Amino acid sequence: MIIDTNITVVAENWPSVLGTSLVKKLQGEKSLWEIRSRISDGKRIARVLFTVETGK
């Protein structure tokens, strides 16, 4: 499935994937990001929201 593939790509390549069409920061949010995946016929988009915590 494309969604779990995209999550894996982001996890393994963070932060170099920033600014690509795959990962975008949500406007107005301090630390909320989204991964966008085109699903089914390419007309629908699934979004996975996530945050990154550092220093722990």
N, C-alpha and C. Protein backbone atom coordinates (compact mmCIF):
# COMPACT_ATOMS: atom_id res chain seq x y z
N MET A 1 0.85 -1.18 0.00
CA MET A 1 0.00 0.00 0.00
C MET A 1 0.89 1.24 0.00
N ILE A 2 0.46 2.25 -0.70
CA ILE A 2 1.27 3.45 -0.88
C ILE A 2 1.44 4.26 0.41
N ILE A 3 0.45 4.24 1.28
CA ILE A 3 0.52 5.05 2.50
C ILE A 3 1.67 4.59 3.38
N ASP A 4 1.76 3.28 3.65
CA ASP A 4 2.85 2.82 4.52
C ASP A 4 4.21 2.95 3.84
N THR A 5 4.25 2.87 2.53
CA THR A 5 5.50 3.10 1.80
C THR A 5 5.96 4.54 1.98
N ASN A 6 5.04 5.49 1.86
CA ASN A 6 5.39 6.90 2.02
C ASN A 6 5.82 7.22 3.45
N ILE A 7 5.15 6.61 4.44
CA ILE A 7 5.56 6.82 5.83
C ILE A 7 6.99 6.30 6.03
N THR A 8 7.30 5.16 5.47
CA THR A 8 8.65 4.60 5.58
C THR A 8 9.68 5.51 4.92
N VAL A 9 9.37 6.03 3.74
CA VAL A 9 10.28 6.94 3.05
C VAL A 9 10.57 8.17 3.91
N VAL A 10 9.53 8.74 4.50
CA VAL A 10 9.71 9.92 5.34
C VAL A 10 10.54 9.58 6.58
N ALA A 11 10.21 8.48 7.24
CA ALA A 11 10.93 8.09 8.46
C ALA A 11 12.41 7.84 8.19
N GLU A 12 12.72 7.20 7.08
CA GLU A 12 14.11 6.85 6.77
C GLU A 12 14.91 8.02 6.20
N ASN A 13 14.24 9.05 5.70
CA ASN A 13 14.94 10.15 5.04
C ASN A 13 14.73 11.50 5.70
N TRP A 14 14.18 11.50 6.90
CA TRP A 14 13.94 12.75 7.63
C TRP A 14 15.26 13.38 8.00
N PRO A 15 15.52 14.63 7.85
CA PRO A 15 14.66 15.70 7.36
C PRO A 15 14.87 16.05 5.89
N SER A 16 15.59 15.22 5.14
CA SER A 16 15.88 15.59 3.74
C SER A 16 14.64 15.59 2.85
N VAL A 17 13.53 15.02 3.30
CA VAL A 17 12.30 15.01 2.51
C VAL A 17 11.47 16.28 2.70
N LEU A 18 11.92 17.17 3.58
CA LEU A 18 11.17 18.41 3.83
C LEU A 18 11.10 19.24 2.56
N GLY A 19 9.95 19.82 2.33
CA GLY A 19 9.78 20.67 1.16
C GLY A 19 9.47 19.93 -0.11
N THR A 20 9.40 18.62 -0.05
CA THR A 20 9.02 17.85 -1.24
C THR A 20 7.50 17.78 -1.32
N SER A 21 6.98 17.24 -2.40
CA SER A 21 5.53 17.11 -2.53
C SER A 21 4.97 16.06 -1.58
N LEU A 22 5.85 15.26 -0.98
CA LEU A 22 5.42 14.20 -0.06
C LEU A 22 5.15 14.73 1.34
N VAL A 23 5.95 15.67 1.82
CA VAL A 23 5.84 16.17 3.20
C VAL A 23 5.71 17.69 3.21
N LYS A 24 4.73 18.18 3.95
CA LYS A 24 4.56 19.62 4.08
C LYS A 24 4.20 19.96 5.52
N LYS A 25 4.66 21.11 5.97
CA LYS A 25 4.30 21.60 7.29
C LYS A 25 2.93 22.27 7.19
N LEU A 26 2.08 22.02 8.16
CA LEU A 26 0.76 22.64 8.15
C LEU A 26 0.88 24.10 8.54
N GLN A 27 0.26 24.96 7.79
CA GLN A 27 0.32 26.40 8.04
C GLN A 27 -0.29 26.72 9.39
N GLY A 28 0.37 27.61 10.10
CA GLY A 28 -0.14 28.05 11.38
C GLY A 28 0.12 27.09 12.54
N GLU A 29 0.75 25.98 12.26
CA GLU A 29 1.04 25.00 13.30
C GLU A 29 2.53 24.96 13.57
N LYS A 30 2.90 24.92 14.83
CA LYS A 30 4.31 24.97 15.20
C LYS A 30 5.07 23.71 14.80
N SER A 31 4.48 22.56 15.04
CA SER A 31 5.24 21.33 14.78
C SER A 31 4.35 20.21 14.22
N LEU A 32 3.40 20.56 13.37
CA LEU A 32 2.52 19.57 12.78
C LEU A 32 2.79 19.46 11.29
N TRP A 33 3.03 18.23 10.85
CA TRP A 33 3.39 17.94 9.47
C TRP A 33 2.37 16.98 8.88
N GLU A 34 2.34 16.91 7.53
CA GLU A 34 1.48 15.93 6.88
C GLU A 34 2.23 15.21 5.77
N ILE A 35 1.90 13.95 5.62
CA ILE A 35 2.37 13.14 4.50
C ILE A 35 1.16 12.95 3.60
N ARG A 36 1.31 13.27 2.33
CA ARG A 36 0.21 13.15 1.39
C ARG A 36 0.47 11.99 0.44
N SER A 37 -0.54 11.13 0.28
CA SER A 37 -0.43 9.96 -0.59
C SER A 37 -1.63 9.90 -1.52
N ARG A 38 -1.37 9.81 -2.80
CA ARG A 38 -2.47 9.63 -3.76
C ARG A 38 -2.90 8.17 -3.70
N ILE A 39 -4.21 7.96 -3.57
CA ILE A 39 -4.71 6.59 -3.45
C ILE A 39 -5.73 6.29 -4.54
N SER A 40 -6.01 5.05 -4.70
CA SER A 40 -6.95 4.48 -5.65
C SER A 40 -6.72 5.00 -7.05
N ASP A 41 -7.62 5.76 -7.61
CA ASP A 41 -7.49 6.17 -9.01
C ASP A 41 -6.62 7.41 -9.20
N GLY A 42 -5.96 7.86 -8.13
CA GLY A 42 -5.09 9.03 -8.22
C GLY A 42 -5.81 10.35 -7.99
N LYS A 43 -7.12 10.28 -7.84
CA LYS A 43 -7.90 11.50 -7.62
C LYS A 43 -8.11 11.78 -6.14
N ARG A 44 -7.94 10.75 -5.31
CA ARG A 44 -8.13 10.94 -3.87
C ARG A 44 -6.77 11.00 -3.18
N ILE A 45 -6.71 11.76 -2.09
CA ILE A 45 -5.47 11.92 -1.34
C ILE A 45 -5.71 11.52 0.11
N ALA A 46 -4.84 10.66 0.63
CA ALA A 46 -4.87 10.32 2.06
C ALA A 46 -3.82 11.18 2.74
N ARG A 47 -4.15 11.67 3.94
CA ARG A 47 -3.22 12.50 4.70
C ARG A 47 -2.93 11.84 6.04
N VAL A 48 -1.66 11.78 6.37
CA VAL A 48 -1.23 11.29 7.69
C VAL A 48 -0.57 12.47 8.39
N LEU A 49 -1.11 12.85 9.54
CA LEU A 49 -0.55 13.96 10.30
C LEU A 49 0.39 13.42 11.36
N PHE A 50 1.51 14.15 11.58
CA PHE A 50 2.47 13.70 12.57
C PHE A 50 3.25 14.89 13.12
N THR A 51 3.91 14.65 14.23
CA THR A 51 4.79 15.64 14.83
C THR A 51 6.12 14.97 15.14
N VAL A 52 7.16 15.76 15.28
CA VAL A 52 8.48 15.24 15.58
C VAL A 52 8.93 15.81 16.90
N GLU A 53 9.34 14.94 17.79
CA GLU A 53 9.84 15.36 19.10
C GLU A 53 11.31 15.02 19.18
N THR A 54 12.12 15.99 19.56
CA THR A 54 13.55 15.77 19.64
C THR A 54 14.03 15.92 21.08
N GLY A 55 15.19 15.37 21.34
CA GLY A 55 15.81 15.55 22.65
C GLY A 55 15.34 14.60 23.72
N LYS A 56 14.65 13.54 23.35
CA LYS A 56 14.21 12.58 24.35
C LYS A 56 14.71 11.21 24.04
